[in-house]
């Protein structure tokens, strides 16, 4: 029999399988806010992973946000990058976590960057199976007609940056490869592992999050130059005092036990740094 934790808000475990726990978290947050009739904040997270995996990753942070901001906080994602950005354009989220390229669009809807992932450079990587004959991205040796997979056309590190990098090497992606999109980072990585494609674009956090049995069968063959890190942005009608509370929470997570748990779940072991809009002014989508 399943045993549910006594901590429904920000709890670290429910004693349930991850998929069931993730769905239960979503239901609890939505129901609690509606039943109380309270004004709540919606944390919108770009669908980099599956909804249940994202819910599990962000649940400790949501609990800490509720405590610090004294508001119910609802975790929300979307079925695709385009659906997520449609909701951003309609200003459906109070706080958003997204990639640098899509932030340039969110700015037009009234969002501003206030924090960013710290430490690790923001890069895209190109990955093959361990038994692949492809060792490098040397355009003179790379076979034509290989199958290449990406998560989504709007995935900045995994798709845009890796495409740009290959083009800079003289590898014309749409001419040299059979291109497929799989909707999420996990799906692209699992498709590669299953042999459905020969090479994929992704980024290191998703690569690290794969089970060891999958990760050990894959090999990184190239990495792009870095770009500004993933930002957290807030809508322009969130009170300044609460924005400052949020920034203090994010940048101070590593200084408290619950915060370190949240960072470990997110995979951001070096935490967050403050960010400003000016850091993202030069981000461009060049094809």
C-alpha atoms as a PDB file:
ATOM      1  CA  UNK A   1       0.000   0.000   0.000  1.00  0.00           C
ATOM      2  CA  UNK A   2       1.230   3.495  -0.834  1.00  0.00           C
ATOM      3  CA  UNK A   3       2.082   5.744   2.092  1.00  0.00           C
ATOM      4  CA  UNK A   4       1.725   9.483   1.492  1.00  0.00           C
ATOM      5  CA  UNK A   5       4.054  11.922   3.200  1.00  0.00           C
ATOM      6  CA  UNK A   6       2.555  14.199   5.823  1.00  0.00           C
ATOM      7  CA  UNK A   7       4.067  17.220   4.038  1.00  0.00           C
ATOM      8  CA  UNK A   8       1.933  18.026   0.965  1.00  0.00           C
ATOM      9  CA  UNK A   9       3.735  21.297   0.279  1.00  0.00           C
ATOM     10  CA  UNK A  10       7.315  21.089  -0.917  1.00  0.00           C
ATOM     11  CA  UNK A  11       7.656  17.555   0.471  1.00  0.00           C
ATOM     12  CA  UNK A  12      10.709  15.646  -0.662  1.00  0.00           C
ATOM     13  CA  UNK A  13       8.964  12.289  -0.976  1.00  0.00           C
ATOM     14  CA  UNK A  14       5.456  10.892  -1.256  1.00  0.00           C
ATOM     15  CA  UNK A  15       6.290   7.214  -1.059  1.00  0.00           C
ATOM     16  CA  UNK A  16       4.794   6.906  -4.537  1.00  0.00           C
ATOM     17  CA  UNK A  17       6.288   6.123  -7.932  1.00  0.00           C
ATOM     18  CA  UNK A  18       7.701   9.250  -9.581  1.00  0.00           C
ATOM     19  CA  UNK A  19       4.983   9.444 -12.244  1.00  0.00           C
ATOM     20  CA  UNK A  20       2.153   9.165  -9.700  1.00  0.00           C
ATOM     21  CA  UNK A  21       3.869  11.522  -7.285  1.00  0.00           C
ATOM     22  CA  UNK A  22       4.351  14.144  -9.999  1.00  0.00           C
ATOM     23  CA  UNK A  23       0.696  14.042 -11.006  1.00  0.00           C
ATOM     24  CA  UNK A  24      -0.353  14.188  -7.358  1.00  0.00           C
ATOM     25  CA  UNK A  25       1.828  17.246  -6.796  1.00  0.00           C
ATOM     26  CA  UNK A  26       0.187  19.038  -9.696  1.00  0.00           C
ATOM     27  CA  UNK A  27      -3.275  18.148  -8.400  1.00  0.00           C
ATOM     28  CA  UNK A  28      -2.491  19.210  -4.839  1.00  0.00           C
ATOM     29  CA  UNK A  29      -1.086  22.606  -5.847  1.00  0.00           C
ATOM     30  CA  UNK A  30      -3.999  23.377  -8.149  1.00  0.00           C
ATOM     31  CA  UNK A  31      -6.635  22.174  -5.673  1.00  0.00           C
ATOM     32  CA  UNK A  32      -5.108  23.950  -2.677  1.00  0.00           C
ATOM     33  CA  UNK A  33      -5.047  27.304  -4.449  1.00  0.00           C
ATOM     34  CA  UNK A  34      -8.596  26.946  -5.744  1.00  0.00           C
ATOM     35  CA  UNK A  35     -10.077  25.692  -2.490  1.00  0.00           C
ATOM     36  CA  UNK A  36      -8.556  28.477  -0.454  1.00  0.00           C
ATOM     37  CA  UNK A  37      -9.685  31.089  -2.930  1.00  0.00           C
ATOM     38  CA  UNK A  38      -6.248  32.622  -2.459  1.00  0.00           C
ATOM     39  CA  UNK A  39      -4.282  34.520  -5.010  1.00  0.00           C
ATOM     40  CA  UNK A  40      -1.431  32.282  -6.098  1.00  0.00           C
ATOM     41  CA  UNK A  41       1.684  32.654  -8.180  1.00  0.00           C
ATOM     42  CA  UNK A  42       2.199  30.428 -11.216  1.00  0.00           C
ATOM     43  CA  UNK A  43       5.748  29.202 -11.802  1.00  0.00           C
ATOM     44  CA  UNK A  44       5.980  28.407 -15.513  1.00  0.00           C
ATOM     45  CA  UNK A  45       8.774  26.011 -16.481  1.00  0.00           C
ATOM     46  CA  UNK A  46       9.796  25.432 -20.096  1.00  0.00           C
ATOM     47  CA  UNK A  47       9.021  21.777 -21.001  1.00  0.00           C
ATOM     48  CA  UNK A  48      12.625  20.643 -21.185  1.00  0.00           C
ATOM     49  CA  UNK A  49      11.655  17.282 -19.671  1.00  0.00           C
ATOM     50  CA  UNK A  50       8.406  15.385 -19.179  1.00  0.00           C
ATOM     51  CA  UNK A  51       5.797  17.095 -16.918  1.00  0.00           C
ATOM     52  CA  UNK A  52       6.149  14.465 -14.186  1.00  0.00           C
ATOM     53  CA  UNK A  53       9.954  14.715 -14.195  1.00  0.00           C
ATOM     54  CA  UNK A  54       9.802  18.524 -14.043  1.00  0.00           C
ATOM     55  CA  UNK A  55       7.271  18.391 -11.205  1.00  0.00           C
ATOM     56  CA  UNK A  56       9.606  16.181  -9.211  1.00  0.00           C
ATOM     57  CA  UNK A  57      12.560  18.450  -9.937  1.00  0.00           C
ATOM     58  CA  UNK A  58      10.809  21.682  -8.942  1.00  0.00           C
ATOM     59  CA  UNK A  59       8.645  20.521  -6.014  1.00  0.00           C
ATOM     60  CA  UNK A  60      11.159  21.403  -3.239  1.00  0.00           C
ATOM     61  CA  UNK A  61      11.734  24.844  -4.758  1.00  0.00           C
ATOM     62  CA  UNK A  62       7.978  25.451  -4.979  1.00  0.00           C
ATOM     63  CA  UNK A  63       7.641  24.682  -1.278  1.00  0.00           C
ATOM     64  CA  UNK A  64      10.388  27.165  -0.403  1.00  0.00           C
ATOM     65  CA  UNK A  65       8.857  29.830  -2.647  1.00  0.00           C
ATOM     66  CA  UNK A  66       5.522  29.444  -0.860  1.00  0.00           C
ATOM     67  CA  UNK A  67       7.219  29.936   2.491  1.00  0.00           C
ATOM     68  CA  UNK A  68       9.271  32.956   1.460  1.00  0.00           C
ATOM     69  CA  UNK A  69       6.637  34.776  -0.615  1.00  0.00           C
ATOM     70  CA  UNK A  70       3.689  33.833   1.633  1.00  0.00           C
ATOM     71  CA  UNK A  71       1.661  32.872  -1.439  1.00  0.00           C
ATOM     72  CA  UNK A  72       0.466  29.532  -2.755  1.00  0.00           C
ATOM     73  CA  UNK A  73       2.677  28.661  -5.741  1.00  0.00           C
ATOM     74  CA  UNK A  74       1.470  26.526  -8.625  1.00  0.00           C
ATOM     75  CA  UNK A  75       3.946  24.636 -10.797  1.00  0.00           C
ATOM     76  CA  UNK A  76       2.917  24.803 -14.472  1.00  0.00           C
ATOM     77  CA  UNK A  77       4.500  23.632 -17.695  1.00  0.00           C
ATOM     78  CA  UNK A  78       3.160  23.104 -21.229  1.00  0.00           C
ATOM     79  CA  UNK A  79       2.985  20.337 -23.854  1.00  0.00           C
ATOM     80  CA  UNK A  80       5.483  22.070 -26.151  1.00  0.00           C
ATOM     81  CA  UNK A  81       7.823  25.038 -26.379  1.00  0.00           C
ATOM     82  CA  UNK A  82       5.414  26.887 -28.651  1.00  0.00           C
ATOM     83  CA  UNK A  83       2.471  26.299 -26.279  1.00  0.00           C
ATOM     84  CA  UNK A  84       4.598  27.524 -23.382  1.00  0.00           C
ATOM     85  CA  UNK A  85       5.514  30.706 -25.237  1.00  0.00           C
ATOM     86  CA  UNK A  86       1.879  31.287 -26.230  1.00  0.00           C
ATOM     87  CA  UNK A  87       1.059  31.279 -22.514  1.00  0.00           C
ATOM     88  CA  UNK A  88       3.973  33.585 -21.782  1.00  0.00           C
ATOM     89  CA  UNK A  89       2.631  35.983 -24.425  1.00  0.00           C
ATOM     90  CA  UNK A  90      -0.748  35.870 -22.651  1.00  0.00           C
ATOM     91  CA  UNK A  91       1.075  36.574 -19.357  1.00  0.00           C
ATOM     92  CA  UNK A  92      -0.329  33.439 -17.717  1.00  0.00           C
ATOM     93  CA  UNK A  93       2.750  32.917 -15.528  1.00  0.00           C
ATOM     94  CA  UNK A  94       4.086  35.132 -12.754  1.00  0.00           C
ATOM     95  CA  UNK A  95       7.572  33.605 -12.718  1.00  0.00           C
ATOM     96  CA  UNK A  96       9.163  31.733 -15.607  1.00  0.00           C
ATOM     97  CA  UNK A  97      12.209  29.529 -16.102  1.00  0.00           C
ATOM     98  CA  UNK A  98      13.206  29.289 -19.750  1.00  0.00           C
ATOM     99  CA  UNK A  99      16.122  29.457 -22.136  1.00  0.00           C
ATOM    100  CA  UNK A 100      18.006  32.627 -23.135  1.00  0.00           C
ATOM    101  CA  UNK A 101      16.600  32.742 -26.664  1.00  0.00           C
ATOM    102  CA  UNK A 102      12.970  32.466 -25.585  1.00  0.00           C
ATOM    103  CA  UNK A 103      13.582  35.036 -22.878  1.00  0.00           C
ATOM    104  CA  UNK A 104      14.137  37.584 -25.635  1.00  0.00           C
ATOM    105  CA  UNK A 105      10.493  36.931 -26.639  1.00  0.00           C
ATOM    106  CA  UNK A 106       9.247  36.945 -23.041  1.00  0.00           C
ATOM    107  CA  UNK A 107      10.723  40.406 -22.552  1.00  0.00           C
ATOM    108  CA  UNK A 108       8.183  41.775 -25.048  1.00  0.00           C
ATOM    109  CA  UNK A 109       5.367  40.343 -22.890  1.00  0.00           C
ATOM    110  CA  UNK A 110       6.569  42.219 -19.821  1.00  0.00           C
ATOM    111  CA  UNK A 111       8.988  39.818 -18.137  1.00  0.00           C
ATOM    112  CA  UNK A 112      12.450  40.690 -16.836  1.00  0.00           C
ATOM    113  CA  UNK A 113      15.338  38.452 -15.851  1.00  0.00           C
ATOM    114  CA  UNK A 114      16.198  38.530 -12.152  1.00  0.00           C
ATOM    115  CA  UNK A 115      18.280  35.368 -11.647  1.00  0.00           C
ATOM    116  CA  UNK A 116      20.163  32.746 -13.648  1.00  0.00           C
ATOM    117  CA  UNK A 117      21.662  29.305 -13.132  1.00  0.00           C
ATOM    118  CA  UNK A 118      25.163  29.676 -11.707  1.00  0.00           C
ATOM    119  CA  UNK A 119      28.412  27.911 -12.431  1.00  0.00           C
ATOM    120  CA  UNK A 120      28.356  25.598 -15.419  1.00  0.00           C
ATOM    121  CA  UNK A 121      28.620  27.317 -18.824  1.00  0.00           C
ATOM    122  CA  UNK A 122      25.452  27.204 -20.940  1.00  0.00           C
ATOM    123  CA  UNK A 123      26.411  25.089 -23.930  1.00  0.00           C
ATOM    124  CA  UNK A 124      24.912  22.588 -26.331  1.00  0.00           C
ATOM    125  CA  UNK A 125      26.458  19.175 -26.836  1.00  0.00           C
ATOM    126  CA  UNK A 126      26.326  16.665 -29.659  1.00  0.00           C
ATOM    127  CA  UNK A 127      26.028  13.049 -28.572  1.00  0.00           C
ATOM    128  CA  UNK A 128      26.325   9.678 -30.310  1.00  0.00           C
ATOM    129  CA  UNK A 129      26.047   6.083 -29.162  1.00  0.00           C
ATOM    130  CA  UNK A 130      29.167   4.558 -27.668  1.00  0.00           C
ATOM    131  CA  UNK A 131      29.497   2.149 -30.580  1.00  0.00           C
ATOM    132  CA  UNK A 132      29.096   4.845 -33.238  1.00  0.00           C
ATOM    133  CA  UNK A 133      31.895   5.191 -35.817  1.00  0.00           C
ATOM    134  CA  UNK A 134      31.458   8.984 -35.624  1.00  0.00           C
ATOM    135  CA  UNK A 135      34.263  10.346 -33.455  1.00  0.00           C
ATOM    136  CA  UNK A 136      34.340  14.060 -34.290  1.00  0.00           C
ATOM    137  CA  UNK A 137      32.489  16.680 -36.321  1.00  0.00           C
ATOM    138  CA  UNK A 138      35.142  16.792 -39.018  1.00  0.00           C
ATOM    139  CA  UNK A 139      33.156  17.751 -42.152  1.00  0.00           C
ATOM    140  CA  UNK A 140      35.624  15.822 -44.350  1.00  0.00           C
ATOM    141  CA  UNK A 141      34.959  12.571 -42.500  1.00  0.00           C
ATOM    142  CA  UNK A 142      31.330  12.929 -41.411  1.00  0.00           C
ATOM    143  CA  UNK A 143      29.078  10.640 -43.504  1.00  0.00           C
ATOM    144  CA  UNK A 144      26.084  12.197 -45.266  1.00  0.00           C
ATOM    145  CA  UNK A 145      22.555  11.009 -44.616  1.00  0.00           C
ATOM    146  CA  UNK A 146      22.876  10.315 -40.888  1.00  0.00           C
ATOM    147  CA  UNK A 147      19.756  10.740 -38.748  1.00  0.00           C
ATOM    148  CA  UNK A 148      20.036  13.636 -36.307  1.00  0.00           C
ATOM    149  CA  UNK A 149      17.570  14.306 -33.497  1.00  0.00           C
ATOM    150  CA  UNK A 150      16.739  17.452 -31.541  1.00  0.00           C
ATOM    151  CA  UNK A 151      14.267  18.044 -28.694  1.00  0.00           C
ATOM    152  CA  UNK A 152      12.370  20.996 -30.187  1.00  0.00           C
ATOM    153  CA  UNK A 153      13.095  23.738 -32.734  1.00  0.00           C
ATOM    154  CA  UNK A 154      13.031  26.274 -29.868  1.00  0.00           C
ATOM    155  CA  UNK A 155      15.503  24.387 -27.642  1.00  0.00           C
ATOM    156  CA  UNK A 156      18.298  26.941 -27.542  1.00  0.00           C
ATOM    157  CA  UNK A 157      21.327  24.937 -26.402  1.00  0.00           C
ATOM    158  CA  UNK A 158      20.238  21.587 -27.818  1.00  0.00           C
ATOM    159  CA  UNK A 159      18.945  22.749 -31.193  1.00  0.00           C
ATOM    160  CA  UNK A 160      19.754  26.349 -32.062  1.00  0.00           C
ATOM    161  CA  UNK A 161      23.283  26.460 -30.681  1.00  0.00           C
ATOM    162  CA  UNK A 162      24.298  23.014 -31.940  1.00  0.00           C
ATOM    163  CA  UNK A 163      22.922  23.824 -35.408  1.00  0.00           C
ATOM    164  CA  UNK A 164      24.804  27.110 -35.477  1.00  0.00           C
ATOM    165  CA  UNK A 165      27.985  25.378 -34.353  1.00  0.00           C
ATOM    166  CA  UNK A 166      27.763  22.750 -37.081  1.00  0.00           C
ATOM    167  CA  UNK A 167      27.046  25.397 -39.710  1.00  0.00           C
ATOM    168  CA  UNK A 168      30.156  27.288 -38.536  1.00  0.00           C
ATOM    169  CA  UNK A 169      32.170  24.130 -39.274  1.00  0.00           C
ATOM    170  CA  UNK A 170      30.736  23.904 -42.773  1.00  0.00           C
ATOM    171  CA  UNK A 171      28.260  21.145 -41.900  1.00  0.00           C
ATOM    172  CA  UNK A 172      24.919  22.137 -43.435  1.00  0.00           C
ATOM    173  CA  UNK A 173      22.475  20.382 -41.161  1.00  0.00           C
ATOM    174  CA  UNK A 174      19.365  20.247 -43.350  1.00  0.00           C
ATOM    175  CA  UNK A 175      21.386  19.085 -46.365  1.00  0.00           C
ATOM    176  CA  UNK A 176      23.624  16.565 -44.621  1.00  0.00           C
ATOM    177  CA  UNK A 177      21.232  14.937 -42.154  1.00  0.00           C
ATOM    178  CA  UNK A 178      17.751  13.503 -41.849  1.00  0.00           C
ATOM    179  CA  UNK A 179      16.380  15.801 -39.132  1.00  0.00           C
ATOM    180  CA  UNK A 180      13.842  14.678 -36.525  1.00  0.00           C
ATOM    181  CA  UNK A 181      12.349  16.403 -33.472  1.00  0.00           C
ATOM    182  CA  UNK A 182      11.302  14.456 -30.371  1.00  0.00           C
ATOM    183  CA  UNK A 183       9.598  17.076 -28.194  1.00  0.00           C
ATOM    184  CA  UNK A 184      11.847  16.904 -25.121  1.00  0.00           C
ATOM    185  CA  UNK A 185      15.464  16.397 -24.102  1.00  0.00           C
ATOM    186  CA  UNK A 186      14.718  13.017 -22.527  1.00  0.00           C
ATOM    187  CA  UNK A 187      12.905  11.778 -25.617  1.00  0.00           C
ATOM    188  CA  UNK A 188      15.812  12.740 -27.871  1.00  0.00           C
ATOM    189  CA  UNK A 189      18.347  11.032 -25.604  1.00  0.00           C
ATOM    190  CA  UNK A 190      16.253   7.873 -25.347  1.00  0.00           C
ATOM    191  CA  UNK A 191      15.726   7.838 -29.119  1.00  0.00           C
ATOM    192  CA  UNK A 192      19.489   7.926 -29.592  1.00  0.00           C
ATOM    193  CA  UNK A 193      19.994   5.162 -27.048  1.00  0.00           C
ATOM    194  CA  UNK A 194      17.379   3.040 -28.843  1.00  0.00           C
ATOM    195  CA  UNK A 195      19.104   3.546 -32.185  1.00  0.00           C
ATOM    196  CA  UNK A 196      16.305   5.607 -33.747  1.00  0.00           C
ATOM    197  CA  UNK A 197      18.811   8.325 -34.658  1.00  0.00           C
ATOM    198  CA  UNK A 198      22.589   8.450 -35.056  1.00  0.00           C
ATOM    199  CA  UNK A 199      23.369  11.733 -33.319  1.00  0.00           C
ATOM    200  CA  UNK A 200      21.460  14.240 -31.192  1.00  0.00           C
ATOM    201  CA  UNK A 201      21.775  17.757 -29.893  1.00  0.00           C
ATOM    202  CA  UNK A 202      21.138  18.189 -26.170  1.00  0.00           C
ATOM    203  CA  UNK A 203      22.711  19.883 -23.119  1.00  0.00           C
ATOM    204  CA  UNK A 204      24.669  18.609 -20.138  1.00  0.00           C
ATOM    205  CA  UNK A 205      21.960  18.782 -17.417  1.00  0.00           C
ATOM    206  CA  UNK A 206      19.684  16.474 -19.421  1.00  0.00           C
ATOM    207  CA  UNK A 207      22.567  14.187 -20.309  1.00  0.00           C
ATOM    208  CA  UNK A 208      23.495  13.917 -16.610  1.00  0.00           C
ATOM    209  CA  UNK A 209      19.894  13.206 -15.611  1.00  0.00           C
ATOM    210  CA  UNK A 210      19.742  10.018 -17.677  1.00  0.00           C
ATOM    211  CA  UNK A 211      19.963   6.683 -15.835  1.00  0.00           C
ATOM    212  CA  UNK A 212      23.504   5.347 -15.715  1.00  0.00           C
ATOM    213  CA  UNK A 213      22.512   2.432 -17.948  1.00  0.00           C
ATOM    214  CA  UNK A 214      21.586   4.935 -20.673  1.00  0.00           C
ATOM    215  CA  UNK A 215      24.308   7.514 -20.083  1.00  0.00           C
ATOM    216  CA  UNK A 216      27.122   4.947 -20.107  1.00  0.00           C
ATOM    217  CA  UNK A 217      26.143   3.880 -23.636  1.00  0.00           C
ATOM    218  CA  UNK A 218      26.383   7.424 -25.014  1.00  0.00           C
ATOM    219  CA  UNK A 219      29.352   9.599 -25.924  1.00  0.00           C
ATOM    220  CA  UNK A 220      29.759  13.382 -26.279  1.00  0.00           C
ATOM    221  CA  UNK A 221      31.633  14.296 -29.450  1.00  0.00           C
ATOM    222  CA  UNK A 222      31.368  18.110 -29.479  1.00  0.00           C
ATOM    223  CA  UNK A 223      30.355  21.099 -27.368  1.00  0.00           C
ATOM    224  CA  UNK A 224      29.347  24.573 -28.506  1.00  0.00           C
ATOM    225  CA  UNK A 225      30.800  27.877 -27.294  1.00  0.00           C
ATOM    226  CA  UNK A 226      28.894  29.167 -24.221  1.00  0.00           C
ATOM    227  CA  UNK A 227      25.991  31.605 -24.116  1.00  0.00           C
ATOM    228  CA  UNK A 228      24.290  33.378 -21.151  1.00  0.00           C
ATOM    229  CA  UNK A 229      22.811  30.896 -18.682  1.00  0.00           C
ATOM    230  CA  UNK A 230      19.147  29.878 -18.252  1.00  0.00           C
ATOM    231  CA  UNK A 231      17.260  32.797 -16.644  1.00  0.00           C
ATOM    232  CA  UNK A 232      14.447  33.097 -14.141  1.00  0.00           C
ATOM    233  CA  UNK A 233      12.210  36.029 -15.087  1.00  0.00           C
ATOM    234  CA  UNK A 234       9.273  37.703 -13.359  1.00  0.00           C
ATOM    235  CA  UNK A 235       6.210  39.443 -14.727  1.00  0.00           C
ATOM    236  CA  UNK A 236       6.256  43.224 -14.406  1.00  0.00           C
ATOM    237  CA  UNK A 237       3.267  43.347 -12.026  1.00  0.00           C
ATOM    238  CA  UNK A 238       4.911  41.215  -9.315  1.00  0.00           C
ATOM    239  CA  UNK A 239       5.667  43.644  -6.440  1.00  0.00           C
ATOM    240  CA  UNK A 240       9.311  44.673  -6.181  1.00  0.00           C
ATOM    241  CA  UNK A 241       9.508  43.549  -2.557  1.00  0.00           C
ATOM    242  CA  UNK A 242       8.492  40.035  -3.538  1.00  0.00           C
ATOM    243  CA  UNK A 243      10.892  40.041  -6.480  1.00  0.00           C
ATOM    244  CA  UNK A 244      13.694  40.841  -4.061  1.00  0.00           C
ATOM    245  CA  UNK A 245      12.513  38.044  -1.745  1.00  0.00           C
ATOM    246  CA  UNK A 246      12.564  35.628  -4.676  1.00  0.00           C
ATOM    247  CA  UNK A 247      16.077  36.661  -5.735  1.00  0.00           C
ATOM    248  CA  UNK A 248      17.324  36.357  -2.154  1.00  0.00           C
ATOM    249  CA  UNK A 249      15.758  32.895  -1.926  1.00  0.00           C
ATOM    250  CA  UNK A 250      17.273  31.661  -5.189  1.00  0.00           C
ATOM    251  CA  UNK A 251      20.755  33.042  -4.594  1.00  0.00           C
ATOM    252  CA  UNK A 252      20.798  31.805  -0.987  1.00  0.00           C
ATOM    253  CA  UNK A 253      19.609  28.234  -1.550  1.00  0.00           C
ATOM    254  CA  UNK A 254      23.062  26.790  -0.991  1.00  0.00           C
ATOM    255  CA  UNK A 255      23.225  28.281   2.507  1.00  0.00           C
ATOM    256  CA  UNK A 256      20.381  26.209   3.988  1.00  0.00           C
ATOM    257  CA  UNK A 257      19.646  22.512   4.198  1.00  0.00           C
ATOM    258  CA  UNK A 258      16.265  22.679   2.426  1.00  0.00           C
ATOM    259  CA  UNK A 259      17.823  24.850  -0.260  1.00  0.00           C
ATOM    260  CA  UNK A 260      20.591  22.355  -0.937  1.00  0.00           C
ATOM    261  CA  UNK A 261      17.960  19.643  -1.276  1.00  0.00           C
ATOM    262  CA  UNK A 262      16.119  21.812  -3.827  1.00  0.00           C
ATOM    263  CA  UNK A 263      19.327  22.440  -5.791  1.00  0.00           C
ATOM    264  CA  UNK A 264      20.204  18.763  -5.820  1.00  0.00           C
ATOM    265  CA  UNK A 265      16.742  17.906  -7.133  1.00  0.00           C
ATOM    266  CA  UNK A 266      17.086  20.563  -9.839  1.00  0.00           C
ATOM    267  CA  UNK A 267      20.604  19.469 -10.719  1.00  0.00           C
ATOM    268  CA  UNK A 268      21.956  23.017 -10.201  1.00  0.00           C
ATOM    269  CA  UNK A 269      24.586  22.243  -7.587  1.00  0.00           C
ATOM    270  CA  UNK A 270      26.145  25.715  -7.813  1.00  0.00           C
ATOM    271  CA  UNK A 271      22.794  27.420  -7.348  1.00  0.00           C
ATOM    272  CA  UNK A 272      21.640  30.695  -8.835  1.00  0.00           C
ATOM    273  CA  UNK A 273      23.204  34.106  -9.356  1.00  0.00           C
ATOM    274  CA  UNK A 274      21.420  37.466  -9.776  1.00  0.00           C
ATOM    275  CA  UNK A 275      20.792  38.417 -13.408  1.00  0.00           C
ATOM    276  CA  UNK A 276      19.847  41.505 -15.379  1.00  0.00           C
ATOM    277  CA  UNK A 277      18.075  42.003 -18.662  1.00  0.00           C
ATOM    278  CA  UNK A 278      21.203  43.505 -20.245  1.00  0.00           C
ATOM    279  CA  UNK A 279      22.981  40.129 -20.094  1.00  0.00           C
ATOM    280  CA  UNK A 280      20.571  38.757 -22.697  1.00  0.00           C
ATOM    281  CA  UNK A 281      20.512  41.670 -25.147  1.00  0.00           C
ATOM    282  CA  UNK A 282      22.997  40.036 -27.527  1.00  0.00           C
ATOM    283  CA  UNK A 283      21.283  36.652 -27.699  1.00  0.00           C
ATOM    284  CA  UNK A 284      20.299  36.056 -31.305  1.00  0.00           C
ATOM    285  CA  UNK A 285      18.851  33.252 -33.412  1.00  0.00           C
ATOM    286  CA  UNK A 286      21.129  33.138 -36.436  1.00  0.00           C
ATOM    287  CA  UNK A 287      20.593  30.434 -39.004  1.00  0.00           C
END
